[in-house]
Protein backbone atom coordinates (compact mmCIF):
# COMPACT_ATOMS: atom_id res chain seq x y z
CA MET A 1 30.69 21.03 -20.41
CA ASP A 2 33.90 19.07 -20.16
CA ILE A 3 32.08 16.30 -18.64
CA GLU A 4 29.44 15.98 -21.12
CA LYS A 5 32.39 15.72 -23.61
CA GLN A 6 33.97 12.91 -21.75
CA ILE A 7 30.55 10.96 -21.31
CA LYS A 8 30.13 11.35 -25.18
CA ASN A 9 33.53 10.05 -25.86
CA LEU A 10 32.84 6.95 -23.62
CA GLY A 11 31.71 4.86 -26.62
CA ILE A 12 28.09 4.36 -25.41
CA SER A 13 25.07 4.80 -27.88
CA LYS A 14 23.81 8.26 -27.75
CA ASN A 15 20.33 6.85 -27.28
CA LYS A 16 21.29 5.50 -23.82
CA ILE A 17 22.80 8.64 -22.55
CA PHE A 18 20.44 11.39 -21.00
CA TYR A 19 20.67 15.01 -19.90
CA GLN A 20 18.51 16.60 -17.13
CA GLU A 21 16.15 13.57 -17.72
CA PRO A 22 13.05 13.44 -15.50
CA MET A 23 13.19 10.30 -13.52
CA LYS A 24 9.41 10.13 -13.35
CA LYS A 25 9.77 8.42 -16.68
CA HIS A 26 11.97 5.84 -15.29
CA THR A 27 10.44 4.81 -11.87
CA THR A 28 7.50 2.71 -11.14
CA PHE A 29 6.36 5.51 -8.76
CA GLN A 30 6.36 7.80 -12.00
CA ILE A 31 7.76 10.51 -9.56
CA GLY A 32 11.03 12.17 -9.43
CA GLY A 33 12.99 15.34 -10.56
CA PRO A 34 15.82 15.35 -13.18
CA ALA A 35 18.96 13.16 -13.34
CA GLU A 36 21.75 15.42 -14.18
CA TYR A 37 23.13 12.86 -16.48
CA LEU A 38 21.42 9.44 -16.83
CA ILE A 39 23.08 6.52 -18.59
CA LEU A 40 21.57 3.16 -19.55
CA VAL A 41 24.29 0.66 -19.05
CA GLU A 42 23.89 -2.54 -20.95
CA GLU A 43 27.99 -3.92 -20.85
CA ILE A 44 30.33 -4.22 -17.89
CA GLU A 45 33.02 -2.64 -19.95
CA GLU A 46 30.80 0.59 -20.22
CA LEU A 47 30.47 0.57 -16.72
CA LYS A 48 34.12 0.50 -15.72
CA ARG A 49 34.61 3.40 -18.37
CA ILE A 50 31.94 5.44 -16.70
CA LEU A 51 33.44 4.65 -13.16
CA GLN A 52 36.79 5.83 -14.46
CA VAL A 53 35.33 9.13 -15.65
CA ALA A 54 33.40 9.56 -12.47
CA LYS A 55 36.54 9.08 -10.21
CA GLN A 56 38.50 11.24 -12.24
CA LYS A 57 36.08 14.25 -12.22
CA GLU A 58 34.81 13.33 -8.66
CA ILE A 59 31.22 13.08 -9.93
CA PRO A 60 28.54 11.15 -7.71
CA VAL A 61 27.33 8.12 -8.97
CA THR A 62 23.90 6.71 -8.11
CA ILE A 63 22.80 3.13 -9.26
CA MET A 64 19.47 1.84 -10.05
CA GLY A 65 17.82 -1.07 -11.53
CA ASN A 66 14.39 -1.01 -12.94
CA GLY A 67 13.34 2.13 -10.75
CA SER A 68 11.14 0.06 -8.54
CA ASN A 69 11.47 0.36 -4.72
CA VAL A 70 12.61 3.82 -5.07
CA LEU A 71 11.33 7.36 -4.61
CA VAL A 72 13.48 10.02 -6.54
CA LEU A 73 13.03 13.63 -4.96
CA ASP A 74 11.73 16.42 -6.60
CA LYS A 75 14.99 18.22 -7.04
CA GLY A 76 16.38 15.15 -8.88
CA ILE A 77 19.86 13.36 -8.56
CA LYS A 78 23.20 15.23 -9.08
CA GLY A 79 26.16 13.70 -10.89
CA ILE A 80 25.60 10.38 -12.84
CA THR A 81 22.91 8.03 -12.43
CA LEU A 82 23.19 4.41 -14.05
CA MET A 83 20.25 1.96 -14.49
CA ILE A 84 21.95 -1.27 -15.03
CA LYS A 85 20.64 -2.92 -17.88
CA ILE A 86 23.15 -5.77 -18.03
CA GLU A 87 21.35 -8.69 -19.70
CA LYS A 88 22.57 -12.53 -19.84
CA ILE A 89 20.87 -15.57 -19.09
CA GLU A 90 22.85 -19.01 -19.12
CA PHE A 91 21.78 -22.57 -17.54
CA GLN A 92 24.58 -25.00 -15.93
CA GLU A 93 23.73 -28.65 -14.51
CA LYS A 94 25.19 -29.06 -11.54
CA ASN A 95 24.32 -32.65 -9.80
CA GLU A 96 20.52 -32.16 -8.46
CA GLN A 97 20.60 -28.57 -9.24
CA THR A 98 20.78 -26.28 -11.93
CA GLU A 99 22.60 -22.83 -11.94
CA MET A 100 21.01 -20.03 -13.42
CA ILE A 101 23.64 -17.33 -14.19
CA VAL A 102 22.09 -14.20 -15.12
CA GLY A 103 22.88 -10.27 -15.81
CA ALA A 104 22.02 -7.84 -13.02
CA GLY A 105 19.60 -5.99 -15.38
CA GLU A 106 17.28 -9.31 -16.01
CA LYS A 107 13.80 -8.77 -14.64
CA LEU A 108 12.42 -11.35 -12.02
CA GLY A 109 9.29 -11.83 -13.89
CA LYS A 110 11.17 -12.73 -17.11
CA LEU A 111 13.64 -15.31 -15.15
CA ALA A 112 10.60 -16.94 -13.52
CA GLN A 113 8.99 -17.37 -16.83
CA LEU A 114 12.32 -18.86 -18.32
CA ALA A 115 12.73 -21.01 -15.41
CA LYS A 116 9.36 -22.49 -15.85
CA LYS A 117 9.84 -23.21 -19.34
CA GLN A 118 13.18 -25.14 -18.49
CA GLN A 119 11.01 -27.04 -15.54
CA LEU A 120 13.07 -25.31 -12.80
CA THR A 121 11.28 -24.37 -9.42
CA GLY A 122 12.32 -21.83 -7.03
CA LEU A 123 11.42 -18.45 -8.59
CA GLU A 124 7.61 -18.77 -8.47
CA GLU A 125 6.97 -16.79 -5.19
CA LEU A 126 9.13 -13.81 -6.45
CA SER A 127 7.79 -13.80 -9.99
CA GLY A 128 5.39 -10.99 -9.39
CA ILE A 129 8.25 -8.63 -8.13
CA PRO A 130 8.70 -5.78 -10.62
CA GLY A 131 12.27 -5.33 -10.28
CA THR A 132 15.60 -6.70 -11.62
CA ILE A 133 17.89 -9.55 -9.98
CA GLY A 134 20.28 -6.90 -9.06
CA GLY A 135 17.87 -4.64 -7.07
CA ALA A 136 16.23 -7.97 -5.73
CA VAL A 137 19.72 -9.16 -4.08
CA LYS A 138 20.54 -5.66 -2.85
CA MET A 139 17.37 -5.40 -0.66
CA ASN A 140 17.01 -9.28 -0.30
CA ALA A 141 13.67 -9.04 -1.88
CA GLY A 142 10.83 -11.44 -0.74
CA ALA A 143 7.28 -12.33 -1.09
CA HIS A 144 4.90 -15.25 0.06
CA GLY A 145 7.50 -16.49 2.56
CA LYS A 146 10.53 -16.81 -0.10
CA GLU A 147 13.49 -14.33 -0.24
CA ILE A 148 16.10 -14.23 -2.78
CA LYS A 149 18.73 -15.29 -0.24
CA ASP A 150 17.26 -18.67 -0.48
CA LEU A 151 18.22 -18.92 -4.15
CA VAL A 152 21.38 -16.96 -4.45
CA LYS A 153 24.81 -19.07 -4.82
CA ALA A 154 26.87 -16.00 -5.72
CA VAL A 155 27.40 -12.51 -6.94
CA LYS A 156 29.66 -10.67 -9.11
CA CYS A 157 30.02 -7.02 -8.75
CA LEU A 158 32.50 -4.07 -9.37
CA ASP A 159 33.54 -1.65 -6.63
CA TYR A 160 33.35 1.99 -7.60
CA GLU A 161 37.01 1.99 -8.70
CA GLY A 162 35.75 -0.70 -11.54
CA LYS A 163 37.48 -3.64 -9.61
CA GLU A 164 35.76 -6.92 -10.10
CA LYS A 165 34.72 -9.06 -6.99
CA ILE A 166 32.91 -12.27 -6.46
CA PHE A 167 30.83 -12.59 -3.24
CA SER A 168 29.90 -16.33 -1.98
CA LYS A 169 26.32 -16.60 -0.55
CA GLU A 170 28.08 -16.61 3.16
CA GLU A 171 29.74 -13.33 2.49
CA LEU A 172 26.65 -11.49 1.37
CA GLN A 173 25.20 -10.78 4.82
CA PHE A 174 21.66 -11.16 4.03
CA ASP A 175 18.82 -10.42 6.30
CA TYR A 176 15.25 -9.11 6.27
CA ARG A 177 15.29 -6.48 3.20
CA THR A 178 19.06 -5.98 3.42
CA SER A 179 22.43 -7.27 2.14
CA ILE A 180 26.00 -6.18 2.05
CA PHE A 181 25.15 -4.17 -0.74
CA LYS A 182 23.22 -1.84 1.21
CA LYS A 183 26.25 -1.13 3.56
CA GLN A 184 29.11 -1.19 1.09
CA LYS A 185 29.68 0.65 -2.31
CA TYR A 186 29.46 -2.38 -4.98
CA ILE A 187 27.66 -2.64 -8.32
CA ILE A 188 25.94 -5.78 -8.94
CA THR A 189 26.70 -7.06 -12.23
CA GLN A 190 25.89 -10.94 -12.48
CA VAL A 191 24.14 -13.33 -9.93
CA VAL A 192 24.09 -17.07 -9.93
CA LEU A 193 21.01 -18.71 -8.61
CA GLU A 194 20.45 -22.25 -7.80
CA LEU A 195 17.19 -23.88 -8.79
CA LYS A 196 15.92 -27.43 -8.52
CA LYS A 197 14.20 -29.46 -11.00
CA GLY A 198 10.36 -29.21 -10.65
CA LYS A 199 7.11 -30.00 -12.86
CA LYS A 200 6.09 -27.41 -15.21
CA GLU A 201 2.32 -27.70 -14.48
CA GLU A 202 2.96 -27.36 -10.79
CA ILE A 203 5.42 -24.32 -11.29
CA LYS A 204 2.83 -22.69 -13.62
CA ALA A 205 -0.18 -23.23 -11.21
CA LYS A 206 1.93 -21.63 -8.21
CA MET A 207 2.98 -18.54 -10.47
CA GLU A 208 -0.71 -18.25 -11.37
CA GLU A 209 -1.98 -18.40 -7.79
CA TYR A 210 0.62 -15.67 -6.73
CA ALA A 211 -0.26 -13.54 -9.76
CA THR A 212 -4.01 -13.84 -8.78
CA TYR A 213 -3.21 -12.89 -5.07
CA ARG A 214 -1.14 -9.80 -6.08
CA LYS A 215 -4.05 -8.59 -8.40
CA GLU A 216 -6.54 -9.00 -5.82
CA LYS A 217 -4.66 -7.61 -2.85
CA GLN A 218 -2.09 -5.25 -4.05
CA PRO A 219 -2.89 -1.94 -5.79
CA ILE A 220 -1.06 -2.88 -8.96
CA GLU A 221 -3.36 -0.72 -11.24
CA PHE A 222 -1.67 2.54 -9.78
CA PRO A 223 2.00 3.79 -9.83
CA SER A 224 3.95 2.82 -6.68
CA ALA A 225 7.24 1.90 -5.56
CA GLY A 226 5.86 -1.36 -4.32
CA SER A 227 5.30 -1.99 -0.50
CA THR A 228 6.18 1.10 1.27
CA PHE A 229 7.04 0.09 5.03
CA LYS A 230 9.02 -2.85 6.13
CA ARG A 231 7.32 -5.71 8.23
CA GLY A 232 7.32 -4.91 12.04
CA ASN A 233 9.19 -6.67 14.47
CA GLY A 234 6.46 -8.57 15.96
CA PHE A 235 3.68 -6.58 14.40
CA ILE A 236 2.11 -6.29 10.85
CA THR A 237 2.76 -2.84 9.63
CA ALA A 238 -0.30 -2.66 7.32
CA LYS A 239 -2.76 -4.00 9.95
CA LEU A 240 -1.61 -1.22 12.38
CA ILE A 241 -2.08 1.40 9.49
CA GLU A 242 -5.51 0.18 8.99
CA GLU A 243 -6.49 -0.05 12.55
CA ALA A 244 -5.10 3.82 12.69
CA GLY A 245 -7.94 4.49 10.22
CA LEU A 246 -5.24 5.53 7.61
CA LYS A 247 -6.44 3.79 4.46
CA GLY A 248 -7.35 6.20 1.97
CA CYS A 249 -5.38 9.10 3.74
CA ARG A 250 -3.89 11.43 1.06
CA ILE A 251 -1.71 14.39 0.45
CA GLY A 252 -1.97 15.61 -2.97
CA ASP A 253 -2.04 12.96 -5.21
CA ALA A 254 -0.17 10.56 -2.87
CA GLU A 255 -2.33 8.22 -1.13
CA VAL A 256 -2.20 5.17 1.43
CA SER A 257 -3.93 2.61 -0.74
CA THR A 258 -7.61 1.49 0.16
CA LYS A 259 -6.57 -1.84 -1.22
CA HIS A 260 -3.44 -2.57 0.87
CA SER A 261 -2.41 -0.11 3.53
CA GLY A 262 1.30 -0.93 3.23
CA PHE A 263 1.49 0.86 -0.13
CA ILE A 264 1.43 4.48 -0.81
CA ILE A 265 0.33 4.98 -4.43
CA ASN A 266 0.71 7.96 -7.01
CA ARG A 267 -3.04 8.70 -7.83
CA GLY A 268 -1.76 10.81 -10.94
CA THR A 269 0.35 13.79 -10.22
CA ALA A 270 1.94 13.12 -6.70
CA THR A 271 5.20 14.76 -5.93
CA ALA A 272 7.95 13.21 -4.08
CA GLN A 273 7.09 15.84 -1.32
CA ASP A 274 3.72 14.56 -1.13
CA VAL A 275 4.70 11.03 -0.56
CA LEU A 276 7.34 12.34 2.13
CA GLU A 277 4.70 14.25 4.10
CA LEU A 278 2.37 11.10 4.03
CA ILE A 279 4.80 8.91 5.09
CA LYS A 280 5.59 11.13 7.94
CA LYS A 281 2.25 11.48 8.83
CA VAL A 282 1.80 7.51 8.83
CA GLN A 283 4.85 7.16 10.96
CA ASP A 284 3.99 9.66 13.48
CA THR A 285 0.36 8.59 13.94
CA ILE A 286 1.38 4.88 14.36
CA TYR A 287 3.75 6.10 16.96
CA GLU A 288 1.42 8.15 18.87
CA LYS A 289 -1.39 5.34 18.75
CA PHE A 290 0.78 2.04 19.14
CA GLN A 291 4.17 3.37 20.30
CA LYS A 292 5.56 1.48 17.44
CA GLN A 293 8.39 2.77 14.88
CA ILE A 294 7.71 1.84 11.27
CA GLU A 295 10.55 1.80 8.82
CA LEU A 296 10.55 2.40 5.04
CA GLU A 297 11.25 -0.44 2.67
CA ILE A 298 11.54 2.04 -0.25
CA GLU A 299 14.83 3.79 -0.79
CA ILE A 300 14.78 7.60 -1.17
CA ILE A 301 17.07 9.02 -3.72
CA GLY A 302 18.20 12.47 -4.77
CA GLU A 303 18.82 15.91 -3.68
CA LYS A 304 17.07 16.87 -0.46
CA GLU A 305 15.43 20.30 -0.37
CA ILE A 306 17.25 23.14 1.91
CA LYS A 307 14.89 24.80 4.09
CA ARG A 308 15.86 28.43 4.27
CA LYS A 309 14.76 30.37 7.39
CA GLU A 310 12.74 33.42 6.57
């Protein structure tokens, strides 16, 4: 009760604080048990105050963006879950390039649309990714041969003590679907992107082309966390899954998409356990048939079930 009282006294609007909130309402997979405390964070000062309480009370803190690219387990999330909704967009001209300074909670699709209006090119390939810029930087999101690392100039963040730090591009340790933020505990608050001048019609045409590709090739009509598995080292994971005859394979309401076998979709009432069992089945089958280990692209968050011996 003491913790609830302290959270109430943080000066955050009541409609941004939830108790025992089902995370299926806040994830693109539409799966997930309750978050003990869920707070939608719109201001950096709010974030600092929350981190202070969490440190004092030794409460675990979980950070999320838009709830894409994650599978929240059925038991839910202990402690405080923060969904970063910090919004800000500024443009600054710098020689041949334009810097786009954005809050970590801004969605990639919105940024791509605004860049198009400003006749700035660079975000077209990433415009269909349904996440925030903060989440995209954390995992070095990519599509159509472009990764977010190609555009990032600097990132502002907080450590879990609430201290601010700025990372230059060189310090971010970008690699395939990873960055320093996968290895060290920082919370991204702001990102500086470098974009180039382009022609509005060309930018628009590219964005439309990628949107059409996504609609035709990806199962966007069903809830999912995006691409479930990482690209293999020297092989295409989705191709192996298809060759193994796993397209359409189903456990409960979790299914390997018949449209794109790199995606596991929720056909209605899938649980996290359904998804985990299907992931294991896919990984085991691919190893048995091809001796290839396939890794997850999605992040698994929450309390694991403790299996008791009978």
